[in-house]
Amino acid sequence: MAIESNREVVRNFIRRNLAKKQEHLEISDQDNLILNGIVDSLGLIKIINFLEERFSLKLEDEDITPENFENIDSIMILLEQTMGRASEMEQLT
């Protein structure tokens, strides 16, 4: 059994939970999730909750912008930055 990358975990969450009517929709890393109607405001909250629970992190208020959730690439950049901040904080304690 193959191990899913973080990118695939996020993509599959969006496909299964937010694009229910389009579950078999192929979502590329650059597809605009908001403009394409895949993610709405409630969907953003679901993604935020998923990321925080799945990756054991806390997104800051300044992280929660439409630009950070525009597509898979931007979500992955946010995830990497947030995980990096968490790692830095752990090293300081």
Protein backbone atom coordinates (compact mmCIF):
# COMPACT_ATOMS: atom_id res chain seq x y z
CA MET A 1 0.00 0.00 0.00
CA ALA A 2 1.43 3.35 -1.05
CA ILE A 3 1.82 6.16 1.44
CA GLU A 4 -0.05 9.30 0.41
CA SER A 5 1.93 12.52 0.23
CA ASN A 6 0.61 15.51 2.15
CA ARG A 7 -0.38 17.00 -1.20
CA GLU A 8 -2.48 13.94 -2.06
CA VAL A 9 -4.02 13.87 1.43
CA VAL A 10 -5.19 17.48 0.98
CA ARG A 11 -6.36 16.88 -2.62
CA ASN A 12 -8.33 13.78 -1.60
CA PHE A 13 -9.93 15.61 1.34
CA ILE A 14 -11.11 18.37 -0.98
CA ARG A 15 -12.33 15.92 -3.60
CA ARG A 16 -14.21 13.71 -1.11
CA ASN A 17 -15.59 16.39 1.20
CA LEU A 18 -16.01 19.56 -0.81
CA ALA A 19 -16.50 18.42 -4.41
CA LYS A 20 -19.03 15.72 -3.53
CA LYS A 21 -21.04 16.11 -6.72
CA GLN A 22 -17.78 15.98 -8.64
CA GLU A 23 -15.97 13.33 -6.56
CA HIS A 24 -14.13 12.00 -9.60
CA LEU A 25 -13.08 15.49 -10.64
CA GLU A 26 -9.40 15.82 -11.36
CA ILE A 27 -8.07 18.79 -9.41
CA SER A 28 -4.69 20.05 -10.57
CA ASP A 29 -2.29 21.84 -8.24
CA GLN A 30 -3.06 25.17 -9.92
CA ASP A 31 -6.86 24.90 -10.33
CA ASN A 32 -8.52 27.83 -8.57
CA LEU A 33 -10.68 26.11 -5.98
CA ILE A 34 -12.72 29.21 -5.17
CA LEU A 35 -13.36 30.52 -8.69
CA ASN A 36 -14.17 27.01 -9.95
CA GLY A 37 -16.84 26.65 -7.25
CA ILE A 38 -15.17 23.73 -5.49
CA VAL A 39 -14.61 25.64 -2.24
CA ASP A 40 -16.90 28.25 -0.70
CA SER A 41 -16.67 30.02 2.68
CA LEU A 42 -17.89 26.95 4.56
CA GLY A 43 -15.43 24.85 2.57
CA LEU A 44 -12.59 27.11 3.72
CA ILE A 45 -13.56 26.47 7.33
CA LYS A 46 -13.62 22.73 6.65
CA ILE A 47 -10.15 22.86 5.07
CA ILE A 48 -8.78 24.89 7.99
CA ASN A 49 -10.20 22.43 10.53
CA PHE A 50 -8.90 19.49 8.50
CA LEU A 51 -5.37 20.91 8.24
CA GLU A 52 -5.22 21.73 11.95
CA GLU A 53 -6.47 18.29 12.99
CA ARG A 54 -4.65 16.17 10.40
CA PHE A 55 -1.28 17.88 10.77
CA SER A 56 -1.55 18.87 14.46
CA LEU A 57 -0.98 22.56 13.89
CA LYS A 58 -2.63 25.89 14.57
CA LEU A 59 -3.23 28.34 11.74
CA GLU A 60 -2.90 31.97 12.79
CA ASP A 61 -5.49 34.60 11.85
CA GLU A 62 -3.08 36.16 9.35
CA ASP A 63 -2.77 32.76 7.60
CA ILE A 64 -6.47 32.66 6.81
CA THR A 65 -6.69 34.57 3.54
CA PRO A 66 -8.32 33.57 0.24
CA GLU A 67 -4.90 33.62 -1.42
CA ASN A 68 -3.63 30.86 0.90
CA PHE A 69 -6.54 28.60 -0.12
CA GLU A 70 -6.75 29.49 -3.81
CA ASN A 71 -5.36 26.17 -5.04
CA ILE A 72 -3.53 23.06 -3.90
CA ASP A 73 -0.14 24.74 -4.42
CA SER A 74 -1.02 27.68 -2.15
CA ILE A 75 -2.42 25.36 0.52
CA MET A 76 0.80 23.32 0.44
CA ILE A 77 2.94 26.46 0.78
CA LEU A 78 0.83 27.52 3.78
CA LEU A 79 1.11 24.04 5.28
CA GLU A 80 4.90 23.95 4.86
CA GLN A 81 5.30 27.44 6.35
CA THR A 82 3.05 26.61 9.30
CA MET A 83 4.80 23.31 9.97
CA GLY A 84 8.14 25.15 9.78
CA ARG A 85 6.97 27.71 12.35
CA ALA A 86 5.80 24.93 14.65
CA SER A 87 9.17 23.19 14.33
CA GLU A 88 11.02 26.44 15.12
CA MET A 89 8.85 27.01 18.20
CA GLU A 90 9.55 23.49 19.45
CA GLN A 91 13.30 24.07 19.13
CA LEU A 92 13.02 27.26 21.19
CA THR A 93 11.34 25.48 24.10
